[in-house]
C-alpha atoms as a PDB file:
ATOM      1  CA  UNK A   1     128.655  62.795  98.507  1.00  0.00           C
ATOM      2  CA  UNK A   2     125.915  65.161  97.311  1.00  0.00           C
ATOM      3  CA  UNK A   3     124.971  65.939 100.910  1.00  0.00           C
ATOM      4  CA  UNK A   4     128.549  66.893 101.713  1.00  0.00           C
ATOM      5  CA  UNK A   5     128.767  69.209  98.704  1.00  0.00           C
ATOM      6  CA  UNK A   6     125.389  70.765  99.491  1.00  0.00           C
ATOM      7  CA  UNK A   7     126.376  71.296 103.108  1.00  0.00           C
ATOM      8  CA  UNK A   8     129.692  72.924 102.170  1.00  0.00           C
ATOM      9  CA  UNK A   9     127.884  75.183  99.690  1.00  0.00           C
ATOM     10  CA  UNK A  10     125.385  76.233 102.357  1.00  0.00           C
ATOM     11  CA  UNK A  11     128.174  76.893 104.874  1.00  0.00           C
ATOM     12  CA  UNK A  12     130.009  79.054 102.349  1.00  0.00           C
ATOM     13  CA  UNK A  13     126.855  81.004 101.485  1.00  0.00           C
ATOM     14  CA  UNK A  14     127.431  83.745 104.108  1.00  0.00           C
ATOM     15  CA  UNK A  15     130.998  84.259 102.866  1.00  0.00           C
ATOM     16  CA  UNK A  16     129.895  84.647  99.263  1.00  0.00           C
ATOM     17  CA  UNK A  17     127.209  87.111 100.342  1.00  0.00           C
ATOM     18  CA  UNK A  18     129.845  89.540 101.582  1.00  0.00           C
ATOM     19  CA  UNK A  19     131.456  89.817  98.178  1.00  0.00           C
ATOM     20  CA  UNK A  20     128.178  90.231  96.321  1.00  0.00           C
ATOM     21  CA  UNK A  21     126.470  93.511  95.662  1.00  0.00           C
ATOM     22  CA  UNK A  22     124.331  94.628  98.605  1.00  0.00           C
ATOM     23  CA  UNK A  23     121.318  95.445  96.442  1.00  0.00           C
ATOM     24  CA  UNK A  24     119.352  92.199  96.443  1.00  0.00           C
ATOM     25  CA  UNK A  25     115.872  91.755  95.185  1.00  0.00           C
ATOM     26  CA  UNK A  26     113.066  90.530  97.372  1.00  0.00           C
ATOM     27  CA  UNK A  27     113.123  87.201  95.513  1.00  0.00           C
ATOM     28  CA  UNK A  28     116.810  86.757  96.397  1.00  0.00           C
ATOM     29  CA  UNK A  29     116.078  87.408 100.052  1.00  0.00           C
ATOM     30  CA  UNK A  30     113.150  84.967  99.977  1.00  0.00           C
ATOM     31  CA  UNK A  31     115.388  82.299  98.434  1.00  0.00           C
ATOM     32  CA  UNK A  32     118.042  82.885 101.110  1.00  0.00           C
ATOM     33  CA  UNK A  33     115.403  82.544 103.826  1.00  0.00           C
ATOM     34  CA  UNK A  34     114.230  79.266 102.288  1.00  0.00           C
ATOM     35  CA  UNK A  35     117.792  77.931 102.296  1.00  0.00           C
ATOM     36  CA  UNK A  36     118.176  78.896 105.942  1.00  0.00           C
ATOM     37  CA  UNK A  37     114.868  77.227 106.778  1.00  0.00           C
ATOM     38  CA  UNK A  38     116.018  73.982 105.124  1.00  0.00           C
ATOM     39  CA  UNK A  39     119.318  74.118 107.017  1.00  0.00           C
ATOM     40  CA  UNK A  40     117.525  74.651 110.334  1.00  0.00           C
ATOM     41  CA  UNK A  41     115.202  71.737 109.607  1.00  0.00           C
ATOM     42  CA  UNK A  42     118.213  69.552 108.798  1.00  0.00           C
ATOM     43  CA  UNK A  43     119.887  70.550 112.074  1.00  0.00           C
ATOM     44  CA  UNK A  44     116.681  69.753 113.957  1.00  0.00           C
ATOM     45  CA  UNK A  45     116.728  66.344 112.281  1.00  0.00           C
ATOM     46  CA  UNK A  46     120.237  65.767 113.579  1.00  0.00           C
ATOM     47  CA  UNK A  47     119.027  66.488 117.107  1.00  0.00           C
ATOM     48  CA  UNK A  48     116.379  63.789 116.782  1.00  0.00           C
ATOM     49  CA  UNK A  49     117.247  60.479 118.468  1.00  0.00           C
ATOM     50  CA  UNK A  50     116.093  58.460 115.455  1.00  0.00           C
ATOM     51  CA  UNK A  51     118.329  60.183 112.898  1.00  0.00           C
ATOM     52  CA  UNK A  52     122.109  60.391 113.133  1.00  0.00           C
ATOM     53  CA  UNK A  53     124.191  63.248 111.795  1.00  0.00           C
ATOM     54  CA  UNK A  54     124.293  63.358 108.023  1.00  0.00           C
ATOM     55  CA  UNK A  55     127.793  64.856 107.927  1.00  0.00           C
ATOM     56  CA  UNK A  56     130.655  64.061 110.251  1.00  0.00           C
ATOM     57  CA  UNK A  57     131.686  67.529 111.500  1.00  0.00           C
ATOM     58  CA  UNK A  58     133.692  68.326 108.375  1.00  0.00           C
ATOM     59  CA  UNK A  59     132.617  71.948 108.182  1.00  0.00           C
ATOM     60  CA  UNK A  60     132.599  72.903 111.858  1.00  0.00           C
ATOM     61  CA  UNK A  61     130.635  72.255 114.979  1.00  0.00           C
ATOM     62  CA  UNK A  62     126.881  72.565 115.260  1.00  0.00           C
ATOM     63  CA  UNK A  63     127.366  75.701 117.368  1.00  0.00           C
ATOM     64  CA  UNK A  64     129.406  77.378 114.622  1.00  0.00           C
ATOM     65  CA  UNK A  65     126.824  76.466 112.003  1.00  0.00           C
ATOM     66  CA  UNK A  66     123.980  77.792 114.147  1.00  0.00           C
ATOM     67  CA  UNK A  67     125.915  81.025 114.745  1.00  0.00           C
ATOM     68  CA  UNK A  68     126.458  81.393 110.988  1.00  0.00           C
ATOM     69  CA  UNK A  69     122.767  80.808 110.352  1.00  0.00           C
ATOM     70  CA  UNK A  70     121.841  83.359 113.024  1.00  0.00           C
ATOM     71  CA  UNK A  71     124.167  85.984 111.537  1.00  0.00           C
ATOM     72  CA  UNK A  72     122.755  85.394 108.053  1.00  0.00           C
ATOM     73  CA  UNK A  73     119.191  85.580 109.374  1.00  0.00           C
ATOM     74  CA  UNK A  74     119.957  88.912 111.072  1.00  0.00           C
ATOM     75  CA  UNK A  75     121.423  90.258 107.837  1.00  0.00           C
ATOM     76  CA  UNK A  76     118.387  89.158 105.811  1.00  0.00           C
ATOM     77  CA  UNK A  77     116.002  90.593 108.385  1.00  0.00           C
ATOM     78  CA  UNK A  78     117.792  93.943 108.187  1.00  0.00           C
ATOM     79  CA  UNK A  79     117.566  93.894 104.384  1.00  0.00           C
ATOM     80  CA  UNK A  80     113.861  93.079 104.386  1.00  0.00           C
ATOM     81  CA  UNK A  81     113.155  95.828 106.958  1.00  0.00           C
ATOM     82  CA  UNK A  82     115.096  98.316 104.844  1.00  0.00           C
ATOM     83  CA  UNK A  83     113.072  97.347 101.762  1.00  0.00           C
ATOM     84  CA  UNK A  84     109.819  97.648 103.717  1.00  0.00           C
ATOM     85  CA  UNK A  85     110.818 101.127 104.911  1.00  0.00           C
ATOM     86  CA  UNK A  86     111.668 102.228 101.378  1.00  0.00           C
ATOM     87  CA  UNK A  87     108.354 100.921 100.007  1.00  0.00           C
ATOM     88  CA  UNK A  88     106.374 102.637 102.775  1.00  0.00           C
ATOM     89  CA  UNK A  89     108.208 105.907 102.104  1.00  0.00           C
ATOM     90  CA  UNK A  90     107.414 105.714  98.372  1.00  0.00           C
ATOM     91  CA  UNK A  91     103.761 104.924  99.116  1.00  0.00           C
ATOM     92  CA  UNK A  92     103.486 107.860 101.520  1.00  0.00           C
ATOM     93  CA  UNK A  93     105.116 110.254  99.050  1.00  0.00           C
ATOM     94  CA  UNK A  94     102.937 109.025  96.175  1.00  0.00           C
ATOM     95  CA  UNK A  95      99.778 109.317  98.259  1.00  0.00           C
ATOM     96  CA  UNK A  96     100.682 112.897  99.216  1.00  0.00           C
ATOM     97  CA  UNK A  97     101.267 113.800  95.577  1.00  0.00           C
ATOM     98  CA  UNK A  98      97.938 112.308  94.474  1.00  0.00           C
ATOM     99  CA  UNK A  99      96.188 114.247  97.246  1.00  0.00           C
ATOM    100  CA  UNK A 100      97.860 117.469  96.113  1.00  0.00           C
ATOM    101  CA  UNK A 101      96.772 116.835  92.512  1.00  0.00           C
ATOM    102  CA  UNK A 102      93.171 116.204  93.601  1.00  0.00           C
ATOM    103  CA  UNK A 103      93.205 119.450  95.584  1.00  0.00           C
ATOM    104  CA  UNK A 104      94.593 121.437  92.662  1.00  0.00           C
ATOM    105  CA  UNK A 105      92.047 119.963  90.230  1.00  0.00           C
ATOM    106  CA  UNK A 106      89.143 120.902  92.502  1.00  0.00           C
ATOM    107  CA  UNK A 107      90.596 124.400  92.874  1.00  0.00           C
ATOM    108  CA  UNK A 108      91.022 124.822  89.089  1.00  0.00           C
ATOM    109  CA  UNK A 109      87.500 123.588  88.361  1.00  0.00           C
ATOM    110  CA  UNK A 110      86.074 125.957  90.941  1.00  0.00           C
ATOM    111  CA  UNK A 111      84.699 123.146  93.079  1.00  0.00           C
ATOM    112  CA  UNK A 112      84.181 123.065  96.820  1.00  0.00           C
ATOM    113  CA  UNK A 113      87.400 122.037  98.569  1.00  0.00           C
ATOM    114  CA  UNK A 114      85.488 120.988 101.690  1.00  0.00           C
ATOM    115  CA  UNK A 115      83.931 118.112  99.741  1.00  0.00           C
ATOM    116  CA  UNK A 116      87.300 116.474  99.197  1.00  0.00           C
ATOM    117  CA  UNK A 117      87.549 113.212 101.045  1.00  0.00           C
ATOM    118  CA  UNK A 118      90.691 111.634 102.359  1.00  0.00           C
ATOM    119  CA  UNK A 119      93.029 110.403  99.637  1.00  0.00           C
ATOM    120  CA  UNK A 120      93.254 106.629  99.514  1.00  0.00           C
ATOM    121  CA  UNK A 121      96.653 105.124 100.122  1.00  0.00           C
ATOM    122  CA  UNK A 122      98.588 104.145  97.023  1.00  0.00           C
ATOM    123  CA  UNK A 123      98.288 100.387  96.580  1.00  0.00           C
ATOM    124  CA  UNK A 124      95.417 100.151  99.067  1.00  0.00           C
ATOM    125  CA  UNK A 125      95.558  99.870 102.817  1.00  0.00           C
ATOM    126  CA  UNK A 126      97.743  96.903 103.662  1.00  0.00           C
ATOM    127  CA  UNK A 127      98.180  95.701 107.183  1.00  0.00           C
ATOM    128  CA  UNK A 128     101.853  95.010 107.879  1.00  0.00           C
ATOM    129  CA  UNK A 129     102.682  92.851 110.869  1.00  0.00           C
ATOM    130  CA  UNK A 130     104.635  94.974 113.325  1.00  0.00           C
END
């Protein structure tokens, strides 16, 4: 009985996401990805010859469920890419502002501007997988 309720809740997850506010936190997106991962693992288990289906097609065919999972995964990927873009834009802007402040301080103190090195990136240099 619990499996049936959990499965129905997971199937209704994409529908409830439409009504919710679009501004999700990174933790919410991570939780959604974990739920999708569990659902994919469960579907893989159903494909195994040693394990039968845990639910008897009550909420739609496997193809419909996979299509729902794919649509939700695309939506979450778009959200995470949007967040990454926003973070990178803030880092770039902050780094530029720090560099401008360093330049102005050297100018005000009468120092040699040619001795200024390159401004380090805000938050350090992080390698993002592309």
